[in-house]
């Protein structure tokens, strides 16, 4: 399914004054294409706009505390669900 025509149609309907500019930025970041399915190429294309978005993203993560190391998940807090037998336990 091609999402690009649908997105462009939505963009023209809801943001007609900015549609061309937004699509230009998207194409700049995707090497001239409306869409690049290869996420692994994210580090290759370094347009000024892409760099700005990356900088803003890093600043927001730092401001919200998402840039810190996460604590390990304590697996002892979980238990195996009881066996389904159709009969509920009286003291569980």
N, C-alpha and C. Protein backbone atom coordinates (compact mmCIF):
# COMPACT_ATOMS: atom_id res chain seq x y z
N UNK A 1 0.85 -1.18 0.00
CA UNK A 1 0.00 0.00 0.00
C UNK A 1 0.89 1.24 0.00
N UNK A 2 0.66 2.11 -0.94
CA UNK A 2 1.41 3.36 -1.01
C UNK A 2 0.74 4.39 -0.11
N UNK A 3 1.46 4.85 0.86
CA UNK A 3 0.92 5.82 1.81
C UNK A 3 1.12 7.25 1.33
N UNK A 4 2.13 7.45 0.50
CA UNK A 4 2.49 8.81 0.07
C UNK A 4 1.32 9.57 -0.57
N UNK A 5 0.61 9.00 -1.55
CA UNK A 5 -0.50 9.76 -2.13
C UNK A 5 -1.59 10.09 -1.11
N UNK A 6 -1.87 9.15 -0.22
CA UNK A 6 -2.88 9.38 0.81
C UNK A 6 -2.44 10.49 1.76
N UNK A 7 -1.17 10.46 2.17
CA UNK A 7 -0.64 11.50 3.06
C UNK A 7 -0.67 12.86 2.36
N UNK A 8 -0.28 12.91 1.09
CA UNK A 8 -0.28 14.18 0.36
C UNK A 8 -1.69 14.74 0.22
N UNK A 9 -2.65 13.85 -0.02
CA UNK A 9 -4.05 14.29 -0.12
C UNK A 9 -4.52 14.86 1.22
N UNK A 10 -4.18 14.18 2.32
CA UNK A 10 -4.55 14.67 3.65
C UNK A 10 -3.88 16.01 3.93
N UNK A 11 -2.61 16.11 3.55
CA UNK A 11 -1.85 17.34 3.77
C UNK A 11 -2.46 18.51 3.01
N UNK A 12 -2.85 18.29 1.78
CA UNK A 12 -3.49 19.34 0.97
C UNK A 12 -4.83 19.77 1.58
N UNK A 13 -5.54 18.82 2.19
CA UNK A 13 -6.84 19.13 2.78
C UNK A 13 -6.72 19.87 4.10
N UNK A 14 -5.73 19.50 4.93
CA UNK A 14 -5.65 20.05 6.28
C UNK A 14 -4.55 21.08 6.49
N UNK A 15 -3.60 21.16 5.58
CA UNK A 15 -2.53 22.16 5.71
C UNK A 15 -2.10 22.64 4.33
N UNK A 16 -3.05 23.17 3.55
CA UNK A 16 -2.73 23.52 2.16
C UNK A 16 -1.62 24.57 2.02
N UNK A 17 -1.52 25.48 2.96
CA UNK A 17 -0.51 26.53 2.86
C UNK A 17 0.90 25.99 3.09
N UNK A 18 1.01 24.88 3.81
CA UNK A 18 2.33 24.33 4.14
C UNK A 18 2.64 23.01 3.43
N UNK A 19 1.73 22.49 2.64
CA UNK A 19 1.87 21.16 2.06
C UNK A 19 3.14 21.02 1.21
N UNK A 20 3.39 21.97 0.32
CA UNK A 20 4.57 21.87 -0.55
C UNK A 20 5.85 21.92 0.27
N UNK A 21 5.89 22.79 1.26
CA UNK A 21 7.08 22.92 2.10
C UNK A 21 7.34 21.64 2.90
N UNK A 22 6.28 21.07 3.46
CA UNK A 22 6.42 19.83 4.23
C UNK A 22 6.92 18.70 3.34
N UNK A 23 6.34 18.56 2.14
CA UNK A 23 6.77 17.50 1.23
C UNK A 23 8.21 17.73 0.77
N UNK A 24 8.61 18.97 0.60
CA UNK A 24 10.01 19.25 0.22
C UNK A 24 10.96 18.79 1.32
N UNK A 25 10.61 19.06 2.58
CA UNK A 25 11.45 18.61 3.69
C UNK A 25 11.51 17.08 3.76
N UNK A 26 10.38 16.43 3.56
CA UNK A 26 10.35 14.96 3.58
C UNK A 26 11.24 14.40 2.48
N UNK A 27 11.14 14.96 1.28
CA UNK A 27 11.98 14.49 0.17
C UNK A 27 13.45 14.76 0.42
N UNK A 28 13.76 15.91 1.01
CA UNK A 28 15.16 16.21 1.34
C UNK A 28 15.72 15.18 2.30
N UNK A 29 14.93 14.79 3.29
CA UNK A 29 15.41 13.84 4.29
C UNK A 29 15.46 12.41 3.76
N UNK A 30 14.70 12.11 2.70
CA UNK A 30 14.66 10.76 2.14
C UNK A 30 15.39 10.64 0.82
N UNK A 31 16.34 11.49 0.57
CA UNK A 31 17.14 11.38 -0.65
C UNK A 31 16.35 11.62 -1.92
N UNK A 32 15.38 12.52 -1.88
CA UNK A 32 14.59 12.87 -3.06
C UNK A 32 13.32 12.06 -3.22
N UNK A 33 13.08 11.10 -2.37
CA UNK A 33 11.89 10.27 -2.46
C UNK A 33 10.86 10.71 -1.41
N UNK A 34 9.59 10.39 -1.71
CA UNK A 34 8.53 10.68 -0.74
C UNK A 34 8.68 9.78 0.48
N UNK A 35 9.20 8.57 0.27
CA UNK A 35 9.27 7.59 1.35
C UNK A 35 10.49 6.70 1.13
N UNK A 36 11.19 6.39 2.20
CA UNK A 36 12.32 5.47 2.13
C UNK A 36 12.05 4.35 3.13
N UNK A 37 11.80 3.13 2.65
CA UNK A 37 11.43 2.04 3.56
C UNK A 37 12.59 1.51 4.39
N UNK A 38 13.80 1.95 4.11
CA UNK A 38 14.97 1.41 4.80
C UNK A 38 15.34 2.29 5.99
N UNK A 39 14.88 1.91 7.17
CA UNK A 39 15.15 2.68 8.39
C UNK A 39 16.64 2.70 8.70
N UNK A 40 17.36 1.70 8.24
CA UNK A 40 18.79 1.63 8.56
C UNK A 40 19.57 2.76 7.90
N UNK A 41 18.99 3.42 6.92
CA UNK A 41 19.68 4.53 6.26
C UNK A 41 19.52 5.85 7.00
N UNK A 42 18.87 5.82 8.12
CA UNK A 42 18.59 7.05 8.86
C UNK A 42 19.82 7.88 9.17
N UNK A 43 20.96 7.25 9.34
CA UNK A 43 22.18 7.98 9.66
C UNK A 43 22.91 8.52 8.46
N UNK A 44 22.50 8.14 7.26
CA UNK A 44 23.22 8.54 6.05
C UNK A 44 22.87 9.95 5.58
N UNK A 45 21.61 10.29 5.58
CA UNK A 45 21.16 11.55 5.00
C UNK A 45 21.21 12.63 6.07
N UNK A 46 22.02 13.64 5.84
CA UNK A 46 22.21 14.69 6.85
C UNK A 46 21.90 16.06 6.27
N UNK A 47 20.64 16.28 5.94
CA UNK A 47 20.24 17.60 5.49
C UNK A 47 20.15 18.50 6.72
N UNK A 48 20.24 19.80 6.53
CA UNK A 48 20.13 20.70 7.69
C UNK A 48 18.83 20.51 8.47
N UNK A 49 17.74 20.25 7.77
CA UNK A 49 16.46 20.06 8.45
C UNK A 49 16.46 18.77 9.27
N UNK A 50 17.04 17.70 8.70
CA UNK A 50 17.13 16.43 9.43
C UNK A 50 18.00 16.58 10.67
N UNK A 51 19.09 17.32 10.55
CA UNK A 51 19.96 17.56 11.70
C UNK A 51 19.23 18.35 12.79
N UNK A 52 18.42 19.33 12.38
CA UNK A 52 17.65 20.13 13.33
C UNK A 52 16.64 19.26 14.08
N UNK A 53 15.95 18.38 13.35
CA UNK A 53 14.97 17.49 13.99
C UNK A 53 15.68 16.57 14.97
N UNK A 54 16.84 16.04 14.59
CA UNK A 54 17.60 15.18 15.50
C UNK A 54 18.04 15.92 16.75
N UNK A 55 18.48 17.16 16.58
CA UNK A 55 18.91 17.98 17.71
C UNK A 55 17.74 18.26 18.66
N UNK A 56 16.59 18.59 18.09
CA UNK A 56 15.40 18.85 18.91
C UNK A 56 14.95 17.58 19.64
N UNK A 57 15.05 16.44 18.96
CA UNK A 57 14.66 15.17 19.56
C UNK A 57 15.56 14.85 20.75
N UNK A 58 16.87 15.02 20.59
CA UNK A 58 17.81 14.75 21.69
C UNK A 58 17.56 15.70 22.86
N UNK A 59 17.28 16.97 22.58
CA UNK A 59 17.01 17.93 23.65
C UNK A 59 15.73 17.57 24.41
N UNK A 60 14.70 17.16 23.68
CA UNK A 60 13.44 16.78 24.33
C UNK A 60 13.62 15.53 25.18
N UNK A 61 14.37 14.54 24.67
CA UNK A 61 14.63 13.33 25.46
C UNK A 61 15.37 13.67 26.74
N UNK A 62 16.35 14.56 26.66
CA UNK A 62 17.12 14.95 27.85
C UNK A 62 16.23 15.72 28.83
N UNK A 63 15.40 16.62 28.32
CA UNK A 63 14.52 17.42 29.18
C UNK A 63 13.51 16.54 29.91
N UNK A 64 13.03 15.48 29.24
CA UNK A 64 12.03 14.60 29.84
C UNK A 64 12.63 13.43 30.60
N UNK A 65 13.96 13.32 30.57
CA UNK A 65 14.63 12.26 31.32
C UNK A 65 14.69 10.93 30.61
N UNK A 66 14.42 10.90 29.31
CA UNK A 66 14.45 9.64 28.57
C UNK A 66 15.85 9.28 28.07
N UNK A 67 16.83 10.11 28.35
CA UNK A 67 18.18 9.84 27.88
C UNK A 67 19.00 9.07 28.92
N UNK A 68 18.41 8.79 30.08
CA UNK A 68 19.12 8.09 31.14
C UNK A 68 19.03 6.58 30.95
N UNK A 69 19.97 5.89 31.60
CA UNK A 69 19.97 4.43 31.60
C UNK A 69 18.73 3.93 32.35
N UNK A 70 18.05 2.95 31.78
CA UNK A 70 16.88 2.41 32.44
C UNK A 70 17.27 1.30 33.41
N UNK A 71 16.52 1.18 34.49
CA UNK A 71 16.80 0.11 35.44
C UNK A 71 16.35 -1.23 34.86
N UNK A 72 16.99 -2.29 35.32
CA UNK A 72 16.66 -3.62 34.85
C UNK A 72 15.29 -4.03 35.38
N UNK A 73 14.59 -4.82 34.60
CA UNK A 73 13.28 -5.30 34.98
C UNK A 73 13.44 -6.42 36.02
N UNK A 74 12.75 -6.31 37.14
CA UNK A 74 12.82 -7.31 38.20
C UNK A 74 11.85 -8.44 37.88
N UNK A 75 12.36 -9.55 37.39
CA UNK A 75 11.53 -10.66 36.96
C UNK A 75 10.92 -11.43 38.13
N UNK A 76 11.40 -11.20 39.35
CA UNK A 76 10.81 -11.90 40.50
C UNK A 76 9.42 -11.36 40.83
N UNK A 77 9.05 -10.24 40.27
CA UNK A 77 7.74 -9.65 40.53
C UNK A 77 6.63 -10.31 39.70
N UNK A 78 7.02 -11.20 38.80
CA UNK A 78 6.05 -11.87 37.94
C UNK A 78 5.93 -13.34 38.35
N UNK A 79 4.78 -13.92 38.11
CA UNK A 79 4.61 -15.34 38.39
C UNK A 79 3.86 -15.98 37.23
N UNK A 80 4.00 -17.29 37.13
CA UNK A 80 3.34 -18.04 36.07
C UNK A 80 1.84 -18.04 36.36
N UNK A 81 1.02 -17.76 35.35
CA UNK A 81 -0.42 -17.77 35.59
C UNK A 81 -0.90 -19.17 36.01
N UNK A 82 -1.96 -19.22 36.82
CA UNK A 82 -2.46 -20.54 37.25
C UNK A 82 -3.01 -21.32 36.06
N UNK A 83 -3.00 -22.61 36.23
CA UNK A 83 -3.50 -23.49 35.17
C UNK A 83 -5.01 -23.28 35.03
N UNK A 84 -5.46 -23.23 33.81
CA UNK A 84 -6.88 -23.02 33.55
C UNK A 84 -7.58 -24.37 33.62
N UNK A 85 -8.44 -24.55 34.63
CA UNK A 85 -9.13 -25.83 34.79
C UNK A 85 -10.65 -25.66 34.77
N UNK A 86 -11.10 -24.44 34.72
CA UNK A 86 -12.53 -24.20 34.75
C UNK A 86 -13.07 -24.02 36.16
N UNK A 87 -12.27 -24.37 37.17
CA UNK A 87 -12.69 -24.25 38.57
C UNK A 87 -11.83 -23.18 39.24
N UNK A 88 -12.44 -22.19 39.86
CA UNK A 88 -11.70 -21.16 40.57
C UNK A 88 -11.22 -21.69 41.91
N UNK A 89 -10.06 -21.23 42.35
CA UNK A 89 -9.55 -21.64 43.66
C UNK A 89 -10.26 -20.90 44.77
N UNK A 90 -10.46 -21.54 45.89
CA UNK A 90 -11.19 -20.95 47.01
C UNK A 90 -10.35 -19.92 47.75
N UNK A 91 -9.04 -20.17 47.91
CA UNK A 91 -8.19 -19.29 48.70
C UNK A 91 -7.12 -18.59 47.87
N UNK A 92 -7.30 -18.41 46.61
CA UNK A 92 -6.28 -17.77 45.76
C UNK A 92 -6.62 -16.34 45.48
